[in-house]
C-alpha atoms as a PDB file:
ATOM      1  CA  MET A   1      -0.053   0.042  -0.034  1.00  0.00           C
ATOM      2  CA  THR A   2       2.841   2.340   0.892  1.00  0.00           C
ATOM      3  CA  ASN A   3       4.238   1.776  -2.586  1.00  0.00           C
ATOM      4  CA  ILE A   4       0.979   2.292  -4.625  1.00  0.00           C
ATOM      5  CA  ALA A   5       0.715   5.614  -2.259  1.00  0.00           C
ATOM      6  CA  LEU A   6       4.113   6.953  -3.472  1.00  0.00           C
ATOM      7  CA  ASP A   7       3.042   5.934  -7.476  1.00  0.00           C
ATOM      8  CA  LEU A   8      -0.142   7.810  -6.696  1.00  0.00           C
ATOM      9  CA  VAL A   9       1.507  10.974  -5.041  1.00  0.00           C
ATOM     10  CA  GLY A  10       4.032  10.848  -8.052  1.00  0.00           C
ATOM     11  CA  GLN A  11       1.258  10.971 -10.809  1.00  0.00           C
ATOM     12  CA  ALA A  12      -0.782  14.057  -8.848  1.00  0.00           C
ATOM     13  CA  THR A  13       2.588  15.666  -8.733  1.00  0.00           C
ATOM     14  CA  LEU A  14       3.331  15.432 -12.403  1.00  0.00           C
ATOM     15  CA  VAL A  15      -0.265  16.074 -13.299  1.00  0.00           C
ATOM     16  CA  LEU A  16      -0.257  19.135 -11.073  1.00  0.00           C
ATOM     17  CA  LYS A  17       3.035  20.189 -12.417  1.00  0.00           C
ATOM     18  CA  ARG A  18       1.404  20.274 -15.782  1.00  0.00           C
ATOM     19  CA  ALA A  19      -1.795  21.971 -14.989  1.00  0.00           C
ATOM     20  CA  GLY A  20       0.626  24.808 -13.113  1.00  0.00           C
ATOM     21  CA  GLU A  21       1.811  25.279 -16.658  1.00  0.00           C
ATOM     22  CA  VAL A  22      -1.325  25.175 -18.536  1.00  0.00           C
ATOM     23  CA  GLU A  23      -2.684  27.837 -16.402  1.00  0.00           C
ATOM     24  CA  GLY A  24       0.574  29.841 -16.824  1.00  0.00           C
ATOM     25  CA  THR A  25       0.355  32.143 -13.291  1.00  0.00           C
ATOM     26  CA  GLY A  26       3.466  30.832 -11.950  1.00  0.00           C
ATOM     27  CA  ARG A  27       1.899  28.325  -9.344  1.00  0.00           C
ATOM     28  CA  SER A  28       3.907  25.204  -9.072  1.00  0.00           C
ATOM     29  CA  GLU A  29       2.732  21.778  -8.563  1.00  0.00           C
ATOM     30  CA  ASP A  30       3.642  22.334  -4.630  1.00  0.00           C
ATOM     31  CA  ALA A  31       1.298  25.622  -4.635  1.00  0.00           C
ATOM     32  CA  LEU A  32      -1.814  23.655  -6.296  1.00  0.00           C
ATOM     33  CA  ALA A  33      -1.392  20.771  -4.022  1.00  0.00           C
ATOM     34  CA  PHE A  34      -1.114  22.864  -0.159  1.00  0.00           C
ATOM     35  CA  LEU A  35      -2.208  26.244  -0.919  1.00  0.00           C
ATOM     36  CA  ARG A  36      -6.137  25.371  -2.241  1.00  0.00           C
ATOM     37  CA  ASP A  37      -9.227  25.290   0.116  1.00  0.00           C
ATOM     38  CA  ALA A  38     -11.011  21.714  -0.108  1.00  0.00           C
ATOM     39  CA  ARG A  39     -13.807  23.990  -2.415  1.00  0.00           C
ATOM     40  CA  GLU A  40     -11.227  24.258  -4.941  1.00  0.00           C
ATOM     41  CA  TYR A  41     -10.752  20.294  -5.227  1.00  0.00           C
ATOM     42  CA  ARG A  42     -12.446  18.395  -7.745  1.00  0.00           C
ATOM     43  CA  ASN A  43     -11.693  14.623  -6.296  1.00  0.00           C
ATOM     44  CA  ALA A  44     -14.504  12.432  -6.012  1.00  0.00           C
ATOM     45  CA  LEU A  45     -16.426  11.545  -2.424  1.00  0.00           C
ATOM     46  CA  MET A  46     -15.216   8.304  -2.291  1.00  0.00           C
ATOM     47  CA  LEU A  47     -11.750   9.279  -2.232  1.00  0.00           C
ATOM     48  CA  GLU A  48     -11.867  11.066   1.032  1.00  0.00           C
ATOM     49  CA  LEU A  49     -13.923   8.578   3.234  1.00  0.00           C
ATOM     50  CA  PRO A  50     -11.953   6.748   6.185  1.00  0.00           C
ATOM     51  CA  ASN A  51      -9.965   3.865   5.785  1.00  0.00           C
ATOM     52  CA  GLY A  52     -12.305   1.967   8.082  1.00  0.00           C
ATOM     53  CA  ASP A  53     -11.062  -2.047   7.973  1.00  0.00           C
ATOM     54  CA  PHE A  54      -8.884  -3.735   5.768  1.00  0.00           C
ATOM     55  CA  GLY A  55     -11.849  -5.058   3.471  1.00  0.00           C
ATOM     56  CA  PHE A  56     -12.970  -1.275   3.082  1.00  0.00           C
ATOM     57  CA  THR A  57      -9.631  -0.110   1.834  1.00  0.00           C
ATOM     58  CA  MET A  58      -9.128  -3.043  -0.473  1.00  0.00           C
ATOM     59  CA  ILE A  59     -12.581  -2.902  -2.295  1.00  0.00           C
ATOM     60  CA  ARG A  60     -12.170   0.859  -2.582  1.00  0.00           C
ATOM     61  CA  GLN A  61      -8.777   0.549  -3.979  1.00  0.00           C
ATOM     62  CA  TYR A  62      -9.881  -1.712  -6.192  1.00  0.00           C
ATOM     63  CA  LEU A  63     -12.982   0.358  -7.819  1.00  0.00           C
ATOM     64  CA  PHE A  64     -10.860   3.309  -7.857  1.00  0.00           C
ATOM     65  CA  SER A  65      -7.991   1.893  -9.836  1.00  0.00           C
ATOM     66  CA  VAL A  66     -10.110   0.130 -12.479  1.00  0.00           C
ATOM     67  CA  PHE A  67     -11.161   3.532 -13.188  1.00  0.00           C
ATOM     68  CA  ALA A  68      -7.848   5.144 -12.899  1.00  0.00           C
ATOM     69  CA  MET A  69      -6.476   2.345 -15.445  1.00  0.00           C
ATOM     70  CA  HIS A  70      -9.036   3.222 -18.103  1.00  0.00           C
ATOM     71  CA  GLN A  71      -8.704   7.202 -17.521  1.00  0.00           C
ATOM     72  CA  TRP A  72      -5.252   6.728 -17.534  1.00  0.00           C
ATOM     73  CA  ASP A  73      -5.518   4.554 -21.391  1.00  0.00           C
ATOM     74  CA  ALA A  74      -7.751   7.150 -22.752  1.00  0.00           C
ATOM     75  CA  LEU A  75      -5.392  10.219 -21.663  1.00  0.00           C
ATOM     76  CA  SER A  76      -2.513   8.334 -22.998  1.00  0.00           C
ATOM     77  CA  ARG A  77      -4.004   9.203 -26.372  1.00  0.00           C
ATOM     78  CA  VAL A  78      -4.698  13.124 -26.172  1.00  0.00           C
ATOM     79  CA  GLY A  79      -3.450  15.553 -28.160  1.00  0.00           C
ATOM     80  CA  ASP A  80      -1.347  17.256 -25.411  1.00  0.00           C
ATOM     81  CA  ALA A  81       2.092  15.386 -25.620  1.00  0.00           C
ATOM     82  CA  ASP A  82       3.027  16.140 -22.064  1.00  0.00           C
ATOM     83  CA  LEU A  83      -0.272  14.804 -20.211  1.00  0.00           C
ATOM     84  CA  ALA A  84      -0.200  11.446 -22.737  1.00  0.00           C
ATOM     85  CA  GLY A  85       3.674  11.188 -21.769  1.00  0.00           C
ATOM     86  CA  ILE A  86       2.454  10.695 -17.774  1.00  0.00           C
ATOM     87  CA  ALA A  87      -0.570   9.194 -18.670  1.00  0.00           C
ATOM     88  CA  ALA A  88       1.363   5.992 -20.442  1.00  0.00           C
ATOM     89  CA  LYS A  89       3.273   6.220 -17.472  1.00  0.00           C
ATOM     90  CA  ALA A  90       0.809   6.422 -14.847  1.00  0.00           C
ATOM     91  CA  LEU A  91      -0.898   3.310 -16.937  1.00  0.00           C
ATOM     92  CA  LYS A  92       1.176   1.270 -15.828  1.00  0.00           C
ATOM     93  CA  GLU A  93       1.642   1.701 -12.357  1.00  0.00           C
ATOM     94  CA  SER A  94      -2.417   1.264 -12.235  1.00  0.00           C
ATOM     95  CA  ARG A  95      -2.570  -2.047 -14.110  1.00  0.00           C
ATOM     96  CA  TYR A  96      -0.605  -3.256 -11.333  1.00  0.00           C
ATOM     97  CA  HIS A  97      -3.032  -1.616  -8.737  1.00  0.00           C
ATOM     98  CA  VAL A  98      -5.436  -3.098 -10.353  1.00  0.00           C
ATOM     99  CA  ARG A  99      -4.036  -6.519  -9.737  1.00  0.00           C
ATOM    100  CA  HIS A 100      -2.846  -6.475  -6.386  1.00  0.00           C
ATOM    101  CA  ALA A 101      -6.139  -4.892  -5.152  1.00  0.00           C
ATOM    102  CA  GLY A 102      -8.216  -7.667  -7.076  1.00  0.00           C
ATOM    103  CA  GLU A 103      -6.404 -10.092  -5.795  1.00  0.00           C
ATOM    104  CA  TRP A 104      -6.961  -9.574  -2.079  1.00  0.00           C
ATOM    105  CA  VAL A 105     -10.867  -8.520  -3.453  1.00  0.00           C
ATOM    106  CA  VAL A 106     -10.831 -12.072  -4.433  1.00  0.00           C
ATOM    107  CA  ARG A 107      -9.335 -13.653  -1.217  1.00  0.00           C
ATOM    108  CA  LEU A 108     -11.267 -11.273   1.366  1.00  0.00           C
ATOM    109  CA  GLY A 109     -14.547 -12.370  -1.094  1.00  0.00           C
ATOM    110  CA  ASP A 110     -14.093 -15.682  -0.787  1.00  0.00           C
ATOM    111  CA  GLY A 111     -12.323 -16.093   1.969  1.00  0.00           C
ATOM    112  CA  THR A 112     -13.876 -17.078   5.601  1.00  0.00           C
ATOM    113  CA  ASP A 113     -17.404 -15.662   6.360  1.00  0.00           C
ATOM    114  CA  GLU A 114     -16.136 -13.197   8.632  1.00  0.00           C
ATOM    115  CA  SER A 115     -13.619 -11.916   5.660  1.00  0.00           C
ATOM    116  CA  HIS A 116     -16.645 -12.041   3.095  1.00  0.00           C
ATOM    117  CA  ALA A 117     -19.121 -10.371   5.421  1.00  0.00           C
ATOM    118  CA  ARG A 118     -17.002  -7.269   5.631  1.00  0.00           C
ATOM    119  CA  ALA A 119     -16.124  -7.556   2.121  1.00  0.00           C
ATOM    120  CA  GLN A 120     -19.649  -7.540   0.689  1.00  0.00           C
ATOM    121  CA  ASP A 121     -20.406  -4.326   3.567  1.00  0.00           C
ATOM    122  CA  ALA A 122     -17.362  -2.677   2.143  1.00  0.00           C
ATOM    123  CA  LEU A 123     -18.950  -2.815  -1.111  1.00  0.00           C
ATOM    124  CA  ASP A 124     -22.019  -2.164   0.071  1.00  0.00           C
ATOM    125  CA  SER A 125     -21.209   0.891   1.703  1.00  0.00           C
ATOM    126  CA  LEU A 126     -18.953   2.203  -1.145  1.00  0.00           C
ATOM    127  CA  TRP A 127     -21.353   1.583  -4.423  1.00  0.00           C
ATOM    128  CA  PRO A 128     -23.187   4.497  -3.724  1.00  0.00           C
ATOM    129  CA  TYR A 129     -20.205   6.670  -4.321  1.00  0.00           C
ATOM    130  CA  THR A 130     -18.968   4.688  -7.795  1.00  0.00           C
ATOM    131  CA  GLY A 131     -21.510   7.107  -9.966  1.00  0.00           C
ATOM    132  CA  GLU A 132     -19.732  10.010  -9.616  1.00  0.00           C
ATOM    133  CA  LEU A 133     -16.628   8.395 -10.926  1.00  0.00           C
ATOM    134  CA  PHE A 134     -18.558   8.816 -14.416  1.00  0.00           C
ATOM    135  CA  MET A 135     -20.109  12.247 -14.171  1.00  0.00           C
ATOM    136  CA  SER A 136     -18.682  14.780 -16.599  1.00  0.00           C
ATOM    137  CA  ASP A 137     -19.652  18.496 -16.883  1.00  0.00           C
ATOM    138  CA  SER A 138     -19.235  20.672 -20.291  1.00  0.00           C
ATOM    139  CA  VAL A 139     -15.822  21.501 -19.749  1.00  0.00           C
ATOM    140  CA  GLU A 140     -14.761  17.882 -19.788  1.00  0.00           C
ATOM    141  CA  GLN A 141     -16.593  17.384 -22.520  1.00  0.00           C
ATOM    142  CA  ALA A 142     -15.505  20.509 -24.773  1.00  0.00           C
ATOM    143  CA  LEU A 143     -12.197  19.494 -23.348  1.00  0.00           C
ATOM    144  CA  ALA A 144     -12.441  16.046 -24.842  1.00  0.00           C
ATOM    145  CA  ALA A 145     -14.039  16.925 -28.049  1.00  0.00           C
ATOM    146  CA  ASP A 146     -11.238  18.707 -28.748  1.00  0.00           C
ATOM    147  CA  GLY A 147      -8.790  15.544 -28.005  1.00  0.00           C
ATOM    148  CA  LEU A 148      -7.401  17.309 -24.611  1.00  0.00           C
ATOM    149  CA  ALA A 149      -9.276  15.171 -22.279  1.00  0.00           C
ATOM    150  CA  VAL A 150     -11.645  12.152 -21.571  1.00  0.00           C
ATOM    151  CA  ASP A 151     -14.876  12.380 -21.294  1.00  0.00           C
ATOM    152  CA  CYS A 152     -15.217  10.057 -17.886  1.00  0.00           C
ATOM    153  CA  SER A 153     -18.734   8.816 -18.777  1.00  0.00           C
ATOM    154  CA  THR A 154     -17.730   7.200 -21.872  1.00  0.00           C
ATOM    155  CA  LEU A 155     -15.584   4.692 -19.163  1.00  0.00           C
ATOM    156  CA  LYS A 156     -18.092   2.882 -17.582  1.00  0.00           C
ATOM    157  CA  ALA A 157     -19.017  -0.230 -19.473  1.00  0.00           C
ATOM    158  CA  ALA A 158     -15.283  -0.992 -19.379  1.00  0.00           C
ATOM    159  CA  TRP A 159     -15.277  -0.096 -15.506  1.00  0.00           C
ATOM    160  CA  ASP A 160     -18.328  -2.417 -15.590  1.00  0.00           C
ATOM    161  CA  ALA A 161     -17.058  -5.437 -17.361  1.00  0.00           C
ATOM    162  CA  ASP A 162     -13.667  -5.656 -15.271  1.00  0.00           C
ATOM    163  CA  VAL A 163     -15.918  -4.960 -12.050  1.00  0.00           C
ATOM    164  CA  ASN A 164     -18.605  -7.636 -12.710  1.00  0.00           C
ATOM    165  CA  GLU A 165     -16.097 -10.235 -14.015  1.00  0.00           C
ATOM    166  CA  LEU A 166     -14.069  -9.983 -10.598  1.00  0.00           C
ATOM    167  CA  LEU A 167     -17.084 -10.135  -8.116  1.00  0.00           C
ATOM    168  CA  ALA A 168     -17.603 -13.742  -9.521  1.00  0.00           C
ATOM    169  CA  PRO A 169     -14.574 -15.569  -8.259  1.00  0.00           C
ATOM    170  CA  ALA A 170     -14.708 -13.216  -5.055  1.00  0.00           C
ATOM    171  CA  THR A 171     -18.277 -14.344  -4.398  1.00  0.00           C
ATOM    172  CA  LEU A 172     -19.563 -10.927  -4.038  1.00  0.00           C
ATOM    173  CA  ARG A 173     -23.104 -10.092  -4.838  1.00  0.00           C
ATOM    174  CA  ARG A 174     -23.339  -6.194  -7.152  1.00  0.00           C
ATOM    175  CA  PRO A 175     -25.245  -3.936  -5.527  1.00  0.00           C
ATOM    176  CA  ALA A 176     -28.371  -2.673  -7.007  1.00  0.00           C
ATOM    177  CA  ASP A 177     -27.509   0.918  -8.654  1.00  0.00           C
ATOM    178  CA  ALA A 178     -29.704   3.518  -7.080  1.00  0.00           C
ATOM    179  CA  TYR A 179     -29.142   6.943  -5.948  1.00  0.00           C
ATOM    180  CA  MET A 180     -25.616   7.904  -6.331  1.00  0.00           C
ATOM    181  CA  GLN A 181     -23.566  10.818  -3.991  1.00  0.00           C
ATOM    182  CA  ARG A 182     -22.353  13.472  -5.886  1.00  0.00           C
ATOM    183  CA  GLY A 183     -20.673  17.007  -5.167  1.00  0.00           C
ATOM    184  CA  GLY A 184     -17.285  16.375  -4.863  1.00  0.00           C
ATOM    185  CA  ARG A 185     -16.458  16.943  -9.022  1.00  0.00           C
ATOM    186  CA  SER A 186     -18.214  20.408  -7.967  1.00  0.00           C
ATOM    187  CA  GLY A 187     -16.155  21.177  -4.868  1.00  0.00           C
ATOM    188  CA  LEU A 188     -18.925  19.982  -2.205  1.00  0.00           C
ATOM    189  CA  HIS A 189     -17.269  17.816  -0.080  1.00  0.00           C
ATOM    190  CA  THR A 190     -17.594  15.318   3.015  1.00  0.00           C
ATOM    191  CA  GLU A 191     -16.290  16.567   6.388  1.00  0.00           C
ATOM    192  CA  HIS A 192     -13.357  14.284   6.190  1.00  0.00           C
ATOM    193  CA  LEU A 193     -11.200  16.305   3.413  1.00  0.00           C
ATOM    194  CA  GLY A 194     -11.361  19.171   5.710  1.00  0.00           C
ATOM    195  CA  HIS A 195      -9.502  17.439   8.382  1.00  0.00           C
ATOM    196  CA  MET A 196      -6.719  15.397   5.746  1.00  0.00           C
ATOM    197  CA  LEU A 197      -6.011  19.024   4.178  1.00  0.00           C
ATOM    198  CA  ALA A 198      -5.530  20.406   7.749  1.00  0.00           C
ATOM    199  CA  GLU A 199      -2.611  17.919   8.011  1.00  0.00           C
ATOM    200  CA  MET A 200      -1.107  17.713   4.755  1.00  0.00           C
ATOM    201  CA  GLN A 201      -0.869  21.888   4.391  1.00  0.00           C
ATOM    202  CA  VAL A 202       0.007  22.647   7.691  1.00  0.00           C
ATOM    203  CA  LEU A 203       3.821  22.653   7.156  1.00  0.00           C
ATOM    204  CA  GLN A 204       3.442  24.900   3.888  1.00  0.00           C
ATOM    205  CA  ARG A 205       0.671  27.155   5.296  1.00  0.00           C
ATOM    206  CA  THR A 206       2.989  27.857   8.572  1.00  0.00           C
ATOM    207  CA  HIS A 207       5.778  28.457   6.468  1.00  0.00           C
ATOM    208  CA  PRO A 208       4.642  29.782   3.045  1.00  0.00           C
ATOM    209  CA  ARG A 209       6.858  29.178  -0.041  1.00  0.00           C
ATOM    210  CA  ALA A 210       9.151  26.918   1.880  1.00  0.00           C
ATOM    211  CA  GLU A 211      11.381  24.531  -0.185  1.00  0.00           C
ATOM    212  CA  TRP A 212      12.313  21.202   0.699  1.00  0.00           C
END
């Protein structure tokens, strides 16, 4: 999990650096990561929920990693050569993340009665957050039309196929699609993100423009 976390931090660093270059106002990847408020973040709500037990952590890791893998795959073919290069590297890492998390999902789901119950509970609680991964807005759609981004709604079918394929050997029941939580993509977050940012940003906000 530490290696996966380092991969994700590295991906975020490269993407934020490219975003700062495109923005053209002089903001670095550190400024974008450490000096934005919660309302300026656009992450999916699923990713700011507390970890919970190991089953919850691995189920979430798998559900998100499958999405990320397909998103990076699509981004590796965009017209921005720098972003495409970042995506190609991240795609290799994400494939490993999917394999690692997927193996754990099968172990837990098809393991003991307790591990199966915990894995199913985690899947049931996380499922209402999965729909937000595929919600796109007019900005994303316009960029995708220009070949500079990917419309996340187009990734749903591939994600469904991968998830369904894994749930069978994991002996887990796919929850029914119902109301999906939303808000993170538009800057409306749970209280958990504020706590995470307070811990992550304390050094930079205490010592502005510090470098290390």
